[in-house]
């Protein structure tokens, strides 16, 4: 899979590195701001209260 992504990214080595960083940043933002907040209420350890 990573080889396929590397092959389809445009440009030479500098372009591929920039594209890789942008792709990783986009996936990270999507996970942090969309996926994790959506999944958090479904996690089983949210009902724990500490007194």
C-alpha atoms as a PDB file:
ATOM      1  CA  UNK A   1       0.000   0.000   0.000  1.00  0.00           C
ATOM      2  CA  UNK A   2       2.755   2.479   0.902  1.00  0.00           C
ATOM      3  CA  UNK A   3       4.559   1.692  -2.341  1.00  0.00           C
ATOM      4  CA  UNK A   4       1.385   2.404  -4.291  1.00  0.00           C
ATOM      5  CA  UNK A   5       0.909   5.756  -2.504  1.00  0.00           C
ATOM      6  CA  UNK A   6       4.567   6.672  -3.127  1.00  0.00           C
ATOM      7  CA  UNK A   7       4.221   5.836  -6.839  1.00  0.00           C
ATOM      8  CA  UNK A   8       1.066   7.923  -7.372  1.00  0.00           C
ATOM      9  CA  UNK A   9       2.376  11.040  -5.603  1.00  0.00           C
ATOM     10  CA  UNK A  10       3.460  13.651  -8.167  1.00  0.00           C
ATOM     11  CA  UNK A  11       6.923  15.141  -8.553  1.00  0.00           C
ATOM     12  CA  UNK A  12      10.386  13.932  -7.802  1.00  0.00           C
ATOM     13  CA  UNK A  13      11.722  13.222  -4.337  1.00  0.00           C
ATOM     14  CA  UNK A  14      10.990  16.726  -2.941  1.00  0.00           C
ATOM     15  CA  UNK A  15       7.429  16.643  -4.265  1.00  0.00           C
ATOM     16  CA  UNK A  16       6.830  13.172  -2.889  1.00  0.00           C
ATOM     17  CA  UNK A  17       8.146  14.184   0.537  1.00  0.00           C
ATOM     18  CA  UNK A  18       5.920  17.267   0.660  1.00  0.00           C
ATOM     19  CA  UNK A  19       2.955  15.220  -0.546  1.00  0.00           C
ATOM     20  CA  UNK A  20       3.618  12.576   2.087  1.00  0.00           C
ATOM     21  CA  UNK A  21       3.769  15.153   4.872  1.00  0.00           C
ATOM     22  CA  UNK A  22       0.541  16.768   3.671  1.00  0.00           C
ATOM     23  CA  UNK A  23      -1.171  13.390   3.426  1.00  0.00           C
ATOM     24  CA  UNK A  24      -0.094  12.429   6.953  1.00  0.00           C
ATOM     25  CA  UNK A  25      -1.231  15.823   8.278  1.00  0.00           C
ATOM     26  CA  UNK A  26      -4.630  15.504   6.572  1.00  0.00           C
ATOM     27  CA  UNK A  27      -5.214  12.022   7.979  1.00  0.00           C
ATOM     28  CA  UNK A  28      -4.152  13.177  11.466  1.00  0.00           C
ATOM     29  CA  UNK A  29      -6.524  16.162  11.382  1.00  0.00           C
ATOM     30  CA  UNK A  30      -9.369  13.963  10.169  1.00  0.00           C
ATOM     31  CA  UNK A  31      -8.781  11.478  12.986  1.00  0.00           C
ATOM     32  CA  UNK A  32      -8.367  14.083  15.746  1.00  0.00           C
ATOM     33  CA  UNK A  33     -11.308  16.317  14.840  1.00  0.00           C
ATOM     34  CA  UNK A  34     -13.827  13.931  13.263  1.00  0.00           C
ATOM     35  CA  UNK A  35     -13.269  10.259  14.038  1.00  0.00           C
ATOM     36  CA  UNK A  36     -12.079  10.345  17.661  1.00  0.00           C
ATOM     37  CA  UNK A  37     -14.811  12.735  18.911  1.00  0.00           C
ATOM     38  CA  UNK A  38     -17.441  10.583  17.179  1.00  0.00           C
ATOM     39  CA  UNK A  39     -16.114   7.364  18.744  1.00  0.00           C
ATOM     40  CA  UNK A  40     -15.447   8.712  22.256  1.00  0.00           C
ATOM     41  CA  UNK A  41     -19.029   8.407  23.616  1.00  0.00           C
ATOM     42  CA  UNK A  42     -19.113   4.755  22.559  1.00  0.00           C
ATOM     43  CA  UNK A  43     -16.029   3.766  24.545  1.00  0.00           C
ATOM     44  CA  UNK A  44     -16.734   1.612  27.616  1.00  0.00           C
ATOM     45  CA  UNK A  45     -14.534   3.514  30.086  1.00  0.00           C
ATOM     46  CA  UNK A  46     -16.519   6.780  29.950  1.00  0.00           C
ATOM     47  CA  UNK A  47     -18.822   5.719  32.828  1.00  0.00           C
ATOM     48  CA  UNK A  48     -16.112   5.621  35.502  1.00  0.00           C
ATOM     49  CA  UNK A  49     -16.435   8.165  38.329  1.00  0.00           C
ATOM     50  CA  UNK A  50     -13.597   8.808  40.743  1.00  0.00           C
ATOM     51  CA  UNK A  51     -14.453  10.103  44.205  1.00  0.00           C
END
